[in-house]
């Protein structure tokens, strides 16, 4: 009888647009409490190639195979960096998972999101109107926490949303997907489309906003653990 291969112990968490890596804190604590070695990226959201290079640097630092986790725009990053030989699997958390040469903005036209609060600055930087941020980005978080995120958000270069990925890693690596069922930033039907196309093991997070990685951190951590075990 063949022995089950050991769990992947290294986890790399990749944040999305308008936020930084600190939102992963609870997931980080849950995973490290289970003995995982967890790295949290802090890319700048100003240039896609620079973000890819920064995440690739963290992957290269791993002392063995890793599970690569991306939230939102972070899904585009992991779809490219996931081709690194050290990446054993991909976990998408309410994230974009583009096809070869696909432009995210075209898919958004097919599956329009509910939010209307994006502000495009004349300097090429985008942000979400702080007055609408709690409702659109973090409706299932405490009001004070959501407002803090709104006022601490990271302005994101509009050009990163037009990034194109070649040879997306989900075509060659196993993947898992958490659908945020009440997401207003990415249409949940688009998330389901991504998950089905990638043949991802999929979990629906009922009532979850785009901030599902914070509001339902325990379930997100459980999905990452399942990925590390190949389940």
Protein backbone atom coordinates (compact mmCIF):
# COMPACT_ATOMS: atom_id res chain seq x y z
CA UNK A 1 0.00 0.00 0.00
CA UNK A 2 1.47 3.35 -1.07
CA UNK A 3 2.10 5.86 1.68
CA UNK A 4 0.40 9.23 1.42
CA UNK A 5 2.86 11.95 0.44
CA UNK A 6 3.61 14.40 3.26
CA UNK A 7 1.79 17.73 3.45
CA UNK A 8 3.39 20.77 1.89
CA UNK A 9 4.53 22.86 4.85
CA UNK A 10 5.37 26.17 3.14
CA UNK A 11 2.59 28.67 2.39
CA UNK A 12 2.96 31.96 0.49
CA UNK A 13 0.11 34.49 0.88
CA UNK A 14 -0.30 37.11 -1.87
CA UNK A 15 -2.54 40.13 -1.26
CA UNK A 16 -4.73 41.89 -3.79
CA UNK A 17 -5.31 45.48 -4.88
CA UNK A 18 -6.03 48.37 -2.49
CA UNK A 19 -4.71 46.45 0.54
CA UNK A 20 -1.42 45.10 1.87
CA UNK A 21 -0.33 41.84 3.44
CA UNK A 22 -1.50 42.70 6.96
CA UNK A 23 -5.02 41.48 6.17
CA UNK A 24 -3.68 37.94 6.19
CA UNK A 25 -2.78 38.11 9.88
CA UNK A 26 -5.50 35.78 11.19
CA UNK A 27 -4.92 33.26 8.39
CA UNK A 28 -1.19 33.49 9.13
CA UNK A 29 -1.75 32.82 12.83
CA UNK A 30 -4.08 29.89 12.16
CA UNK A 31 -1.60 28.28 9.77
CA UNK A 32 1.54 28.88 11.82
CA UNK A 33 -0.36 27.49 14.81
CA UNK A 34 -0.68 24.26 12.84
CA UNK A 35 3.06 24.13 12.17
CA UNK A 36 3.13 25.69 8.72
CA UNK A 37 5.88 28.05 7.61
CA UNK A 38 4.03 31.07 6.21
CA UNK A 39 5.38 33.96 4.15
CA UNK A 40 3.33 37.09 3.41
CA UNK A 41 4.24 39.16 0.36
CA UNK A 42 4.29 42.96 0.36
CA UNK A 43 4.29 43.95 -3.30
CA UNK A 44 3.63 47.56 -4.23
CA UNK A 45 0.69 47.38 -6.69
CA UNK A 46 2.36 49.85 -9.04
CA UNK A 47 3.60 47.57 -11.83
CA UNK A 48 2.60 44.00 -12.63
CA UNK A 49 6.08 42.83 -13.59
CA UNK A 50 7.50 44.31 -10.39
CA UNK A 51 4.80 42.56 -8.34
CA UNK A 52 5.60 39.29 -10.09
CA UNK A 53 9.30 39.76 -9.37
CA UNK A 54 8.64 40.43 -5.68
CA UNK A 55 6.39 37.40 -5.25
CA UNK A 56 8.87 35.26 -7.20
CA UNK A 57 11.61 36.38 -4.80
CA UNK A 58 9.58 35.07 -1.86
CA UNK A 59 8.85 31.78 -3.63
CA UNK A 60 12.56 31.32 -4.37
CA UNK A 61 13.31 31.74 -0.65
CA UNK A 62 11.20 28.71 0.30
CA UNK A 63 13.14 25.71 1.56
CA UNK A 64 10.86 23.26 -0.22
CA UNK A 65 7.58 23.01 -2.13
CA UNK A 66 4.93 25.61 -1.31
CA UNK A 67 1.26 26.35 -1.72
CA UNK A 68 0.72 29.74 -3.37
CA UNK A 69 -2.39 31.67 -2.27
CA UNK A 70 -3.75 34.76 -4.03
CA UNK A 71 -6.60 37.11 -3.18
CA UNK A 72 -8.29 39.25 -5.85
CA UNK A 73 -5.62 40.80 -8.14
CA UNK A 74 -3.21 38.47 -6.36
CA UNK A 75 -4.81 35.68 -8.39
CA UNK A 76 -3.36 37.18 -11.56
CA UNK A 77 0.07 37.27 -9.92
CA UNK A 78 -0.07 33.63 -8.78
CA UNK A 79 -1.31 32.55 -12.20
CA UNK A 80 2.10 33.64 -13.50
CA UNK A 81 4.43 33.02 -10.57
CA UNK A 82 2.82 29.65 -9.95
CA UNK A 83 4.90 28.21 -12.77
CA UNK A 84 7.88 28.26 -10.39
CA UNK A 85 8.93 24.62 -9.81
CA UNK A 86 8.66 25.14 -6.05
CA UNK A 87 4.89 25.77 -6.31
CA UNK A 88 2.94 22.58 -5.63
CA UNK A 89 -0.55 24.06 -5.82
CA UNK A 90 -2.57 27.26 -6.18
CA UNK A 91 -5.34 28.60 -3.95
CA UNK A 92 -7.54 31.39 -5.30
CA UNK A 93 -9.45 33.42 -2.71
CA UNK A 94 -12.14 35.49 -4.47
CA UNK A 95 -9.46 36.01 -7.10
CA UNK A 96 -8.96 36.46 -10.81
CA UNK A 97 -7.64 33.40 -12.64
CA UNK A 98 -7.00 34.55 -16.21
CA UNK A 99 -6.64 32.37 -19.28
CA UNK A 100 -3.77 32.67 -21.76
CA UNK A 101 -3.67 36.24 -23.11
CA UNK A 102 -6.98 37.14 -21.45
CA UNK A 103 -7.61 40.70 -20.31
CA UNK A 104 -9.48 40.92 -17.01
CA UNK A 105 -11.36 44.04 -18.07
CA UNK A 106 -13.12 42.11 -20.85
CA UNK A 107 -14.38 39.43 -18.47
CA UNK A 108 -15.65 42.09 -16.09
CA UNK A 109 -17.89 43.34 -18.91
CA UNK A 110 -19.45 39.88 -19.15
CA UNK A 111 -19.74 39.52 -15.38
CA UNK A 112 -20.08 43.10 -14.09
CA UNK A 113 -19.45 43.67 -10.38
CA UNK A 114 -21.94 45.35 -8.08
CA UNK A 115 -19.67 48.14 -6.86
CA UNK A 116 -19.59 51.57 -8.52
CA UNK A 117 -17.14 53.26 -6.15
CA UNK A 118 -13.87 52.96 -8.08
CA UNK A 119 -12.15 56.30 -8.55
CA UNK A 120 -9.55 56.59 -11.31
CA UNK A 121 -7.08 59.36 -10.53
CA UNK A 122 -5.55 61.56 -13.18
CA UNK A 123 -2.14 60.27 -12.06
CA UNK A 124 -2.95 56.71 -13.15
CA UNK A 125 -3.69 55.48 -9.64
CA UNK A 126 -7.03 53.95 -8.67
CA UNK A 127 -8.70 53.73 -5.30
CA UNK A 128 -12.12 52.97 -3.86
CA UNK A 129 -14.14 55.88 -2.50
CA UNK A 130 -13.60 55.61 1.29
CA UNK A 131 -17.26 56.40 1.92
CA UNK A 132 -18.34 53.32 -0.05
CA UNK A 133 -15.42 51.04 0.76
CA UNK A 134 -16.99 49.39 3.84
CA UNK A 135 -20.14 48.37 1.94
CA UNK A 136 -18.39 47.37 -1.27
CA UNK A 137 -15.17 45.77 -0.05
CA UNK A 138 -15.79 44.69 3.54
CA UNK A 139 -19.51 44.52 4.31
CA UNK A 140 -19.14 41.55 6.65
CA UNK A 141 -16.44 43.14 8.83
CA UNK A 142 -17.05 45.33 11.89
CA UNK A 143 -17.72 48.92 10.80
CA UNK A 144 -14.64 50.36 12.50
CA UNK A 145 -12.35 47.77 10.93
CA UNK A 146 -13.84 48.30 7.48
CA UNK A 147 -13.47 52.08 7.77
CA UNK A 148 -9.85 51.71 8.85
CA UNK A 149 -9.19 49.60 5.76
CA UNK A 150 -10.88 52.27 3.66
CA UNK A 151 -8.69 55.03 5.08
CA UNK A 152 -5.52 52.91 4.95
CA UNK A 153 -6.03 51.55 1.44
CA UNK A 154 -3.13 51.36 -1.01
CA UNK A 155 -3.69 53.31 -4.22
CA UNK A 156 -3.19 50.86 -7.08
CA UNK A 157 -1.88 51.60 -10.56
CA UNK A 158 -4.69 51.23 -13.09
CA UNK A 159 -2.30 49.54 -15.53
CA UNK A 160 -1.93 46.43 -13.35
CA UNK A 161 -5.56 45.58 -14.05
CA UNK A 162 -4.68 45.26 -17.74
CA UNK A 163 -1.90 42.73 -17.18
CA UNK A 164 -1.84 39.69 -19.46
CA UNK A 165 -0.64 36.27 -18.31
CA UNK A 166 0.92 33.70 -20.63
CA UNK A 167 0.91 29.99 -19.75
CA UNK A 168 -1.24 30.40 -16.62
CA UNK A 169 -0.09 28.04 -13.89
CA UNK A 170 -3.56 26.69 -13.11
CA UNK A 171 -3.39 24.76 -16.38
CA UNK A 172 -0.50 22.69 -15.06
CA UNK A 173 -0.88 22.79 -11.27
CA UNK A 174 -3.75 21.64 -9.02
CA UNK A 175 -5.90 24.49 -7.77
CA UNK A 176 -8.47 25.33 -5.11
CA UNK A 177 -10.95 28.21 -5.14
CA UNK A 178 -12.95 30.05 -2.47
CA UNK A 179 -15.98 31.82 -3.93
CA UNK A 180 -17.14 34.82 -1.87
CA UNK A 181 -20.87 34.50 -2.41
CA UNK A 182 -21.70 38.12 -1.49
CA UNK A 183 -18.70 39.73 -3.22
CA UNK A 184 -19.39 43.19 -4.66
CA UNK A 185 -15.88 43.76 -6.08
CA UNK A 186 -15.72 40.62 -8.23
CA UNK A 187 -19.00 39.15 -9.41
CA UNK A 188 -19.44 35.78 -7.64
CA UNK A 189 -20.53 34.30 -10.97
CA UNK A 190 -17.18 35.32 -12.44
CA UNK A 191 -15.45 33.61 -9.52
CA UNK A 192 -17.49 30.46 -10.19
CA UNK A 193 -16.56 30.71 -13.88
CA UNK A 194 -12.87 30.91 -13.03
CA UNK A 195 -13.10 27.97 -10.63
CA UNK A 196 -14.99 25.74 -13.07
CA UNK A 197 -12.64 26.55 -15.94
CA UNK A 198 -9.57 25.78 -13.87
CA UNK A 199 -11.20 22.59 -12.54
CA UNK A 200 -10.48 23.89 -9.06
CA UNK A 201 -11.65 22.20 -5.89
CA UNK A 202 -14.22 24.83 -4.95
CA UNK A 203 -15.75 26.03 -1.69
CA UNK A 204 -18.58 28.59 -1.49
CA UNK A 205 -18.23 31.05 1.39
CA UNK A 206 -21.82 32.08 2.08
CA UNK A 207 -22.40 35.73 2.97
CA UNK A 208 -18.73 36.56 2.34
CA UNK A 209 -17.65 39.95 1.06
CA UNK A 210 -14.49 40.57 -0.97
CA UNK A 211 -12.70 40.62 2.39
CA UNK A 212 -13.46 36.92 2.87
CA UNK A 213 -9.81 36.24 3.70
CA UNK A 214 -10.38 38.31 6.87
CA UNK A 215 -14.06 37.70 7.67
CA UNK A 216 -13.93 33.94 7.13
CA UNK A 217 -10.26 33.40 7.89
CA UNK A 218 -10.85 30.01 9.53
CA UNK A 219 -12.54 28.59 6.44
CA UNK A 220 -9.86 30.12 4.22
CA UNK A 221 -7.14 28.55 6.35
CA UNK A 222 -8.96 25.19 6.18
CA UNK A 223 -9.00 25.38 2.38
CA UNK A 224 -5.28 26.15 2.31
CA UNK A 225 -4.60 23.20 4.61
CA UNK A 226 -6.68 20.97 2.32
CA UNK A 227 -4.59 22.19 -0.61
CA UNK A 228 -1.37 21.41 1.27
CA UNK A 229 -2.62 17.85 1.76
CA UNK A 230 -3.78 17.50 -1.83
CA UNK A 231 -7.42 17.12 -0.78
